[in-house]
Amino acid sequence: MPLYDPVIYDRSLPVQSYWETTAQPPEYAPLNQLETCEVAVIGAGLTGLSAAWHLAQAGVEVAIVEPG
């Protein structure tokens, strides 16, 4: 007897993460001009957001760049 519902063991079904199915990221216009900052963080993943947050807490002017 399987521990979980049999559909969990069906490898032919696509599996999406909770974030992929529920997140509604905001839409931002692409950069059309030069921007300046002290530190540019490339990527808004967990590590990038954490780095940007900690830098901002220390008073650093930070910009996060995420490919669209």
PDB file of N, CA and C in Angstrom:
ATOM      1  N   MET A   1       0.847  -1.181   0.000  1.00  0.00           N
ATOM      2  CA  MET A   1       0.000   0.000   0.000  1.00  0.00           C
ATOM      3  C   MET A   1       0.894   1.247   0.000  1.00  0.00           C
ATOM      4  N   PRO A   2       0.690   2.157  -0.983  1.00  0.00           N
ATOM      5  CA  PRO A   2       1.532   3.355  -1.044  1.00  0.00           C
ATOM      6  C   PRO A   2       1.269   4.285   0.138  1.00  0.00           C
ATOM      7  N   LEU A   3       2.305   4.964   0.514  1.00  0.00           N
ATOM      8  CA  LEU A   3       2.211   5.893   1.630  1.00  0.00           C
ATOM      9  C   LEU A   3       1.398   7.136   1.259  1.00  0.00           C
ATOM     10  N   TYR A   4       1.538   7.587  -0.009  1.00  0.00           N
ATOM     11  CA  TYR A   4       0.847   8.784  -0.475  1.00  0.00           C
ATOM     12  C   TYR A   4      -0.098   8.431  -1.611  1.00  0.00           C
ATOM     13  N   ASP A   5      -0.868   9.412  -2.051  1.00  0.00           N
ATOM     14  CA  ASP A   5      -1.774   9.226  -3.187  1.00  0.00           C
ATOM     15  C   ASP A   5      -0.966   8.781  -4.404  1.00  0.00           C
ATOM     16  N   PRO A   6      -1.466   7.838  -5.201  1.00  0.00           N
ATOM     17  CA  PRO A   6      -0.713   7.324  -6.357  1.00  0.00           C
ATOM     18  C   PRO A   6      -0.297   8.401  -7.356  1.00  0.00           C
ATOM     19  N   VAL A   7      -1.030   9.499  -7.452  1.00  0.00           N
ATOM     20  CA  VAL A   7      -0.671  10.545  -8.412  1.00  0.00           C
ATOM     21  C   VAL A   7       0.705  11.130  -8.091  1.00  0.00           C
ATOM     22  N   ILE A   8       1.135  11.069  -6.849  1.00  0.00           N
ATOM     23  CA  ILE A   8       2.446  11.583  -6.469  1.00  0.00           C
ATOM     24  C   ILE A   8       3.553  10.775  -7.128  1.00  0.00           C
ATOM     25  N   TYR A   9       3.324   9.503  -7.365  1.00  0.00           N
ATOM     26  CA  TYR A   9       4.338   8.634  -7.939  1.00  0.00           C
ATOM     27  C   TYR A   9       4.342   8.656  -9.462  1.00  0.00           C
ATOM     28  N   ASP A  10       3.389   9.356 -10.084  1.00  0.00           N
ATOM     29  CA  ASP A  10       3.300   9.419 -11.540  1.00  0.00           C
ATOM     30  C   ASP A  10       4.305  10.437 -12.064  1.00  0.00           C
ATOM     31  N   ARG A  11       5.432   9.967 -12.602  1.00  0.00           N
ATOM     32  CA  ARG A  11       6.503  10.853 -13.072  1.00  0.00           C
ATOM     33  C   ARG A  11       6.182  11.515 -14.411  1.00  0.00           C
ATOM     34  N   SER A  12       5.089  11.141 -15.061  1.00  0.00           N
ATOM     35  CA  SER A  12       4.745  11.759 -16.343  1.00  0.00           C
ATOM     36  C   SER A  12       4.046  13.102 -16.161  1.00  0.00           C
ATOM     37  N   LEU A  13       3.577  13.409 -14.960  1.00  0.00           N
ATOM     38  CA  LEU A  13       2.896  14.670 -14.700  1.00  0.00           C
ATOM     39  C   LEU A  13       3.916  15.763 -14.388  1.00  0.00           C
ATOM     40  N   PRO A  14       3.742  16.953 -14.965  1.00  0.00           N
ATOM     41  CA  PRO A  14       4.674  18.037 -14.617  1.00  0.00           C
ATOM     42  C   PRO A  14       4.455  18.495 -13.180  1.00  0.00           C
ATOM     43  N   VAL A  15       5.527  18.838 -12.530  1.00  0.00           N
ATOM     44  CA  VAL A  15       5.458  19.299 -11.155  1.00  0.00           C
ATOM     45  C   VAL A  15       5.977  20.726 -11.100  1.00  0.00           C
ATOM     46  N   GLN A  16       5.156  21.628 -10.599  1.00  0.00           N
ATOM     47  CA  GLN A  16       5.573  23.005 -10.434  1.00  0.00           C
ATOM     48  C   GLN A  16       5.681  23.308  -8.950  1.00  0.00           C
ATOM     49  N   SER A  17       6.530  24.259  -8.644  1.00  0.00           N
ATOM     50  CA  SER A  17       6.688  24.632  -7.254  1.00  0.00           C
ATOM     51  C   SER A  17       5.488  25.452  -6.795  1.00  0.00           C
ATOM     52  N   TYR A  18       5.353  25.569  -5.502  1.00  0.00           N
ATOM     53  CA  TYR A  18       4.277  26.387  -4.936  1.00  0.00           C
ATOM     54  C   TYR A  18       4.403  27.830  -5.415  1.00  0.00           C
ATOM     55  N   TRP A  19       5.648  28.334  -5.447  1.00  0.00           N
ATOM     56  CA  TRP A  19       5.863  29.714  -5.882  1.00  0.00           C
ATOM     57  C   TRP A  19       5.422  29.905  -7.331  1.00  0.00           C
ATOM     58  N   GLU A  20       5.782  28.970  -8.205  1.00  0.00           N
ATOM     59  CA  GLU A  20       5.415  29.084  -9.623  1.00  0.00           C
ATOM     60  C   GLU A  20       3.909  29.124  -9.832  1.00  0.00           C
ATOM     61  N   THR A  21       3.177  28.432  -8.998  1.00  0.00           N
ATOM     62  CA  THR A  21       1.730  28.359  -9.193  1.00  0.00           C
ATOM     63  C   THR A  21       0.962  29.450  -8.460  1.00  0.00           C
ATOM     64  N   THR A  22       1.594  30.135  -7.503  1.00  0.00           N
ATOM     65  CA  THR A  22       0.847  31.122  -6.722  1.00  0.00           C
ATOM     66  C   THR A  22       1.380  32.545  -6.817  1.00  0.00           C
ATOM     67  N   ALA A  23       2.657  32.706  -7.158  1.00  0.00           N
ATOM     68  CA  ALA A  23       3.252  34.054  -7.151  1.00  0.00           C
ATOM     69  C   ALA A  23       2.748  34.886  -8.325  1.00  0.00           C
ATOM     70  N   GLN A  24       2.575  36.145  -8.070  1.00  0.00           N
ATOM     71  CA  GLN A  24       2.207  37.097  -9.116  1.00  0.00           C
ATOM     72  C   GLN A  24       3.209  38.247  -9.049  1.00  0.00           C
ATOM     73  N   PRO A  25       4.394  38.050  -9.648  1.00  0.00           N
ATOM     74  CA  PRO A  25       5.418  39.086  -9.549  1.00  0.00           C
ATOM     75  C   PRO A  25       4.967  40.364 -10.242  1.00  0.00           C
ATOM     76  N   PRO A  26       5.360  41.506  -9.704  1.00  0.00           N
ATOM     77  CA  PRO A  26       4.972  42.772 -10.319  1.00  0.00           C
ATOM     78  C   PRO A  26       5.653  42.958 -11.665  1.00  0.00           C
ATOM     79  N   GLU A  27       5.006  43.694 -12.524  1.00  0.00           N
ATOM     80  CA  GLU A  27       5.573  44.004 -13.837  1.00  0.00           C
ATOM     81  C   GLU A  27       6.327  45.318 -13.752  1.00  0.00           C
ATOM     82  N   TYR A  28       7.551  45.316 -14.199  1.00  0.00           N
ATOM     83  CA  TYR A  28       8.360  46.526 -14.240  1.00  0.00           C
ATOM     84  C   TYR A  28       8.767  46.788 -15.674  1.00  0.00           C
ATOM     85  N   ALA A  29       8.854  48.048 -16.029  1.00  0.00           N
ATOM     86  CA  ALA A  29       9.303  48.419 -17.366  1.00  0.00           C
ATOM     87  C   ALA A  29      10.798  48.136 -17.487  1.00  0.00           C
ATOM     88  N   PRO A  30      11.259  47.743 -18.677  1.00  0.00           N
ATOM     89  CA  PRO A  30      12.693  47.520 -18.850  1.00  0.00           C
ATOM     90  C   PRO A  30      13.469  48.825 -18.696  1.00  0.00           C
ATOM     91  N   LEU A  31      14.734  48.706 -18.325  1.00  0.00           N
ATOM     92  CA  LEU A  31      15.573  49.891 -18.193  1.00  0.00           C
ATOM     93  C   LEU A  31      15.838  50.479 -19.577  1.00  0.00           C
ATOM     94  N   ASN A  32      15.535  51.737 -19.741  1.00  0.00           N
ATOM     95  CA  ASN A  32      15.756  52.416 -21.014  1.00  0.00           C
ATOM     96  C   ASN A  32      16.798  53.519 -20.900  1.00  0.00           C
ATOM     97  N   GLN A  33      17.382  53.671 -19.738  1.00  0.00           N
ATOM     98  CA  GLN A  33      18.354  54.730 -19.516  1.00  0.00           C
ATOM     99  C   GLN A  33      19.392  54.232 -18.523  1.00  0.00           C
ATOM    100  N   LEU A  34      20.469  54.972 -18.389  1.00  0.00           N
ATOM    101  CA  LEU A  34      21.498  54.605 -17.423  1.00  0.00           C
ATOM    102  C   LEU A  34      21.001  54.859 -16.011  1.00  0.00           C
ATOM    103  N   GLU A  35      21.284  53.940 -15.132  1.00  0.00           N
ATOM    104  CA  GLU A  35      20.959  54.071 -13.710  1.00  0.00           C
ATOM    105  C   GLU A  35      22.265  53.955 -12.937  1.00  0.00           C
ATOM    106  N   THR A  36      22.344  54.627 -11.828  1.00  0.00           N
ATOM    107  CA  THR A  36      23.542  54.524 -10.993  1.00  0.00           C
ATOM    108  C   THR A  36      23.159  54.072  -9.586  1.00  0.00           C
ATOM    109  N   CYS A  37      24.086  53.366  -8.967  1.00  0.00           N
ATOM    110  CA  CYS A  37      23.934  52.935  -7.578  1.00  0.00           C
ATOM    111  C   CYS A  37      25.311  52.546  -7.080  1.00  0.00           C
ATOM    112  N   GLU A  38      25.416  52.303  -5.809  1.00  0.00           N
ATOM    113  CA  GLU A  38      26.698  51.866  -5.253  1.00  0.00           C
ATOM    114  C   GLU A  38      26.957  50.387  -5.532  1.00  0.00           C
ATOM    115  N   VAL A  39      25.907  49.574  -5.408  1.00  0.00           N
ATOM    116  CA  VAL A  39      26.027  48.129  -5.632  1.00  0.00           C
ATOM    117  C   VAL A  39      24.836  47.661  -6.460  1.00  0.00           C
ATOM    118  N   ALA A  40      25.117  46.917  -7.513  1.00  0.00           N
ATOM    119  CA  ALA A  40      24.059  46.283  -8.304  1.00  0.00           C
ATOM    120  C   ALA A  40      24.075  44.791  -7.995  1.00  0.00           C
ATOM    121  N   VAL A  41      22.941  44.276  -7.575  1.00  0.00           N
ATOM    122  CA  VAL A  41      22.802  42.849  -7.290  1.00  0.00           C
ATOM    123  C   VAL A  41      22.117  42.226  -8.499  1.00  0.00           C
ATOM    124  N   ILE A  42      22.772  41.242  -9.103  1.00  0.00           N
ATOM    125  CA  ILE A  42      22.221  40.572 -10.273  1.00  0.00           C
ATOM    126  C   ILE A  42      21.462  39.341  -9.796  1.00  0.00           C
ATOM    127  N   GLY A  43      20.141  39.363  -9.961  1.00  0.00           N
ATOM    128  CA  GLY A  43      19.308  38.229  -9.577  1.00  0.00           C
ATOM    129  C   GLY A  43      18.557  38.474  -8.286  1.00  0.00           C
ATOM    130  N   ALA A  44      17.254  38.263  -8.334  1.00  0.00           N
ATOM    131  CA  ALA A  44      16.395  38.502  -7.181  1.00  0.00           C
ATOM    132  C   ALA A  44      15.979  37.195  -6.510  1.00  0.00           C
ATOM    133  N   GLY A  45      16.888  36.230  -6.502  1.00  0.00           N
ATOM    134  CA  GLY A  45      16.628  34.993  -5.774  1.00  0.00           C
ATOM    135  C   GLY A  45      16.859  35.220  -4.283  1.00  0.00           C
ATOM    136  N   LEU A  46      16.825  34.161  -3.541  1.00  0.00           N
ATOM    137  CA  LEU A  46      16.976  34.248  -2.095  1.00  0.00           C
ATOM    138  C   LEU A  46      18.293  34.919  -1.705  1.00  0.00           C
ATOM    139  N   THR A  47      19.377  34.515  -2.331  1.00  0.00           N
ATOM    140  CA  THR A  47      20.678  35.076  -1.998  1.00  0.00           C
ATOM    141  C   THR A  47      20.782  36.533  -2.416  1.00  0.00           C
ATOM    142  N   GLY A  48      20.310  36.862  -3.630  1.00  0.00           N
ATOM    143  CA  GLY A  48      20.367  38.245  -4.100  1.00  0.00           C
ATOM    144  C   GLY A  48      19.534  39.180  -3.249  1.00  0.00           C
ATOM    145  N   LEU A  49      18.324  38.761  -2.905  1.00  0.00           N
ATOM    146  CA  LEU A  49      17.471  39.600  -2.071  1.00  0.00           C
ATOM    147  C   LEU A  49      18.054  39.775  -0.673  1.00  0.00           C
ATOM    148  N   SER A  50      18.627  38.710  -0.132  1.00  0.00           N
ATOM    149  CA  SER A  50      19.239  38.798   1.188  1.00  0.00           C
ATOM    150  C   SER A  50      20.435  39.749   1.158  1.00  0.00           C
ATOM    151  N   ALA A  51      21.266  39.627   0.137  1.00  0.00           N
ATOM    152  CA  ALA A  51      22.422  40.513   0.028  1.00  0.00           C
ATOM    153  C   ALA A  51      21.968  41.960  -0.113  1.00  0.00           C
ATOM    154  N   ALA A  52      20.986  42.216  -0.961  1.00  0.00           N
ATOM    155  CA  ALA A  52      20.489  43.580  -1.163  1.00  0.00           C
ATOM    156  C   ALA A  52      19.891  44.138   0.126  1.00  0.00           C
ATOM    157  N   TRP A  53      19.149  43.327   0.832  1.00  0.00           N
ATOM    158  CA  TRP A  53      18.523  43.786   2.079  1.00  0.00           C
ATOM    159  C   TRP A  53      19.580  44.149   3.116  1.00  0.00           C
ATOM    160  N   HIS A  54      20.579  43.280   3.275  1.00  0.00           N
ATOM    161  CA  HIS A  54      21.627  43.556   4.258  1.00  0.00           C
ATOM    162  C   HIS A  54      22.439  44.790   3.879  1.00  0.00           C
ATOM    163  N   LEU A  55      22.728  44.954   2.597  1.00  0.00           N
ATOM    164  CA  LEU A  55      23.455  46.148   2.154  1.00  0.00           C
ATOM    165  C   LEU A  55      22.621  47.404   2.393  1.00  0.00           C
ATOM    166  N   ALA A  56      21.337  47.346   2.085  1.00  0.00           N
ATOM    167  CA  ALA A  56      20.462  48.501   2.296  1.00  0.00           C
ATOM    168  C   ALA A  56      20.372  48.844   3.782  1.00  0.00           C
ATOM    169  N   GLN A  57      20.331  47.835   4.644  1.00  0.00           N
ATOM    170  CA  GLN A  57      20.298  48.073   6.087  1.00  0.00           C
ATOM    171  C   GLN A  57      21.565  48.790   6.565  1.00  0.00           C
ATOM    172  N   ALA A  58      22.664  48.576   5.829  1.00  0.00           N
ATOM    173  CA  ALA A  58      23.938  49.215   6.183  1.00  0.00           C
ATOM    174  C   ALA A  58      24.075  50.594   5.538  1.00  0.00           C
ATOM    175  N   GLY A  59      23.034  51.037   4.829  1.00  0.00           N
ATOM    176  CA  GLY A  59      23.064  52.364   4.227  1.00  0.00           C
ATOM    177  C   GLY A  59      23.621  52.427   2.827  1.00  0.00           C
ATOM    178  N   VAL A  60      23.817  51.284   2.184  1.00  0.00           N
ATOM    179  CA  VAL A  60      24.353  51.240   0.825  1.00  0.00           C
ATOM    180  C   VAL A  60      23.195  51.402  -0.163  1.00  0.00           C
ATOM    181  N   GLU A  61      23.436  52.174  -1.210  1.00  0.00           N
ATOM    182  CA  GLU A  61      22.416  52.341  -2.273  1.00  0.00           C
ATOM    183  C   GLU A  61      22.494  51.126  -3.197  1.00  0.00           C
ATOM    184  N   VAL A  62      21.442  50.321  -3.198  1.00  0.00           N
ATOM    185  CA  VAL A  62      21.437  49.052  -3.905  1.00  0.00           C
ATOM    186  C   VAL A  62      20.370  49.043  -4.998  1.00  0.00           C
ATOM    187  N   ALA A  63      20.687  48.419  -6.118  1.00  0.00           N
ATOM    188  CA  ALA A  63      19.707  48.150  -7.179  1.00  0.00           C
ATOM    189  C   ALA A  63      19.732  46.661  -7.477  1.00  0.00           C
ATOM    190  N   ILE A  64      18.548  46.074  -7.621  1.00  0.00           N
ATOM    191  CA  ILE A  64      18.440  44.658  -7.974  1.00  0.00           C
ATOM    192  C   ILE A  64      18.058  44.570  -9.440  1.00  0.00           C
ATOM    193  N   VAL A  65      18.826  43.784 -10.201  1.00  0.00           N
ATOM    194  CA  VAL A  65      18.564  43.608 -11.626  1.00  0.00           C
ATOM    195  C   VAL A  65      18.164  42.155 -11.843  1.00  0.00           C
ATOM    196  N   GLU A  66      17.022  41.961 -12.438  1.00  0.00           N
ATOM    197  CA  GLU A  66      16.495  40.616 -12.704  1.00  0.00           C
ATOM    198  C   GLU A  66      16.155  40.531 -14.190  1.00  0.00           C
ATOM    199  N   PRO A  67      16.643  39.511 -14.886  1.00  0.00           N
ATOM    200  CA  PRO A  67      16.300  39.392 -16.311  1.00  0.00           C
ATOM    201  C   PRO A  67      14.795  39.174 -16.486  1.00  0.00           C
ATOM    202  N   GLY A  68      14.264  39.717 -17.530  1.00  0.00           N
ATOM    203  CA  GLY A  68      12.821  39.622 -17.756  1.00  0.00           C
ATOM    204  C   GLY A  68      12.420  38.708 -18.782  1.00  0.00           C
TER     205      GLY A  68
END
